[in-house]
Amino acid sequence: MIEFELPDFSEITETGQRLLLEKTVKHNGIWRIHKSDPDNIFPSDPHGDRVDEPEKLNLYNGFVYSLPDKIHVRTLPNKAMKYIYNQLMKCKEVEITSKLTANRNLITYL
C-alpha cells in the first residue's frame, strides 16, 4: 500500500515535481493506492482511495468520483497526476508499477 498527501496544485511543477516550499498550507487529499483492493474495480485498476473524503481516483485519466454514487465530480490537473505518477513509479510495489507500465497507452496526462 502507498499513501501520500497530494499538495496544493501551485506547489507542483508542470513535470510533476514538488517545489520545495518552507511551509505547506493547503492539500488536495490524502490518497491510498493498494496492491490489491478488496472493493470492486471501480473506477480502474489500479485506483486511488481518498482517505480524508469519500472519493476514488482513476490513475489513468485523473477522474475523481464521489462515493457511494460513483459520479464524476472533477478531474485532477495534469501536473497533479504527473506528481502522483512519479510517486507511484518510485515505489517498490511491482504490482502497481507494472500495471501502470503495461497500460501506459491508457494514461492521458503523460
Protein backbone atom coordinates (compact mmCIF):
# COMPACT_ATOMS: atom_id res chain seq x y z
CA MET A 1 0.00 0.00 0.00
CA ILE A 2 1.19 3.51 -0.80
CA GLU A 3 -0.19 6.58 0.93
CA PHE A 4 0.70 10.19 0.24
CA GLU A 5 -0.68 13.70 0.58
CA LEU A 6 -1.36 15.49 -2.67
CA PRO A 7 -0.03 19.04 -2.13
CA ASP A 8 -1.62 22.26 -3.27
CA PHE A 9 -1.51 22.35 -7.06
CA SER A 10 0.58 25.56 -7.01
CA GLU A 11 3.40 23.56 -5.37
CA ILE A 12 3.66 21.13 -8.30
CA THR A 13 5.62 21.93 -11.45
CA GLU A 14 4.35 21.04 -14.93
CA THR A 15 6.67 17.99 -14.91
CA GLY A 16 5.05 16.63 -11.74
CA GLN A 17 7.83 17.55 -9.32
CA ARG A 18 7.06 19.20 -6.00
CA LEU A 19 8.56 22.60 -5.30
CA LEU A 20 10.47 22.78 -2.06
CA LEU A 21 8.50 25.27 -0.04
CA GLU A 22 9.10 26.25 3.55
CA LYS A 23 5.51 25.58 4.56
CA THR A 24 2.58 23.71 3.08
CA VAL A 25 -0.76 25.24 3.99
CA LYS A 26 -3.23 23.51 1.67
CA HIS A 27 -3.51 19.99 0.35
CA ASN A 28 -5.75 18.17 -2.08
CA GLY A 29 -6.35 14.99 -0.18
CA ILE A 30 -4.59 12.03 1.28
CA TRP A 31 -4.71 9.22 -1.24
CA ARG A 32 -4.07 5.49 -0.74
CA ILE A 33 -3.24 3.06 -3.53
CA HIS A 34 -3.30 -0.64 -2.69
CA LYS A 35 -1.57 -3.53 -4.44
CA SER A 36 -4.87 -5.34 -4.32
CA ASP A 37 -8.07 -3.62 -3.35
CA PRO A 38 -10.97 -5.62 -1.89
CA ASP A 39 -13.63 -3.36 -3.42
CA ASN A 40 -14.87 -3.81 -6.95
CA ILE A 41 -12.50 -2.42 -9.53
CA PHE A 42 -14.06 0.99 -9.94
CA PRO A 43 -13.01 3.33 -11.46
CA SER A 44 -9.91 1.50 -12.66
CA ASP A 45 -7.31 -0.99 -11.62
CA PRO A 46 -5.20 0.39 -10.05
CA HIS A 47 -7.03 3.32 -8.49
CA GLY A 48 -6.70 5.64 -5.51
CA ASP A 49 -8.93 5.79 -2.46
CA ARG A 50 -9.06 9.16 -0.75
CA VAL A 51 -8.56 8.74 3.00
CA ASP A 52 -9.99 12.09 4.11
CA GLU A 53 -13.06 12.19 1.79
CA PRO A 54 -15.31 9.54 0.19
CA GLU A 55 -13.70 9.68 -3.27
CA LYS A 56 -11.95 7.42 -5.77
CA LEU A 57 -9.30 8.39 -8.33
CA ASN A 58 -8.78 6.85 -11.75
CA LEU A 59 -4.98 6.70 -12.10
CA TYR A 60 -5.14 6.60 -15.90
CA ASN A 61 -7.06 9.83 -16.55
CA GLY A 62 -7.30 11.75 -13.24
CA PHE A 63 -11.08 11.47 -12.93
CA VAL A 64 -12.29 11.79 -9.31
CA TYR A 65 -15.56 10.09 -8.40
CA SER A 66 -17.71 10.70 -5.35
CA LEU A 67 -18.91 7.77 -3.30
CA PRO A 68 -21.19 5.96 -2.95
CA ASP A 69 -22.92 7.24 -6.11
CA LYS A 70 -19.80 6.97 -8.36
CA ILE A 71 -20.44 10.33 -10.04
CA HIS A 72 -17.55 12.08 -11.79
CA VAL A 73 -17.04 15.26 -9.73
CA ARG A 74 -13.79 16.66 -11.13
CA THR A 75 -10.59 15.87 -12.97
CA LEU A 76 -7.23 16.48 -11.32
CA PRO A 77 -4.86 18.72 -13.32
CA ASN A 78 -2.22 17.02 -15.48
CA LYS A 79 0.59 18.27 -13.25
CA ALA A 80 -1.09 16.74 -10.18
CA MET A 81 -1.46 13.42 -11.98
CA LYS A 82 2.18 13.56 -13.05
CA TYR A 83 3.09 14.10 -9.39
CA ILE A 84 1.04 11.04 -8.39
CA TYR A 85 2.53 9.01 -11.24
CA ASN A 86 6.07 9.99 -10.21
CA GLN A 87 5.34 9.00 -6.60
CA LEU A 88 3.97 5.64 -7.70
CA MET A 89 6.81 4.86 -10.10
CA LYS A 90 9.33 5.47 -7.27
CA CYS A 91 7.65 2.87 -5.05
CA LYS A 92 8.80 -0.70 -4.75
CA GLU A 93 5.32 -2.17 -5.30
CA VAL A 94 5.88 -4.09 -8.52
CA GLU A 95 2.19 -4.92 -8.92
CA ILE A 96 1.33 -1.21 -9.13
CA THR A 97 4.25 -0.07 -11.29
CA SER A 98 3.86 -2.98 -13.69
CA LYS A 99 0.14 -2.25 -14.21
CA LEU A 100 0.87 1.41 -14.94
CA THR A 101 3.71 0.50 -17.28
CA ALA A 102 1.68 -2.15 -19.10
CA ASN A 103 -1.24 0.26 -19.57
CA ARG A 104 0.80 3.36 -20.38
CA ASN A 105 -1.24 3.87 -23.56
CA LEU A 106 -4.34 4.49 -21.36
CA ILE A 107 -2.64 7.28 -19.39
CA THR A 108 -3.89 10.63 -20.67
CA TYR A 109 -1.61 13.05 -18.76
CA LEU A 110 1.90 11.92 -19.80
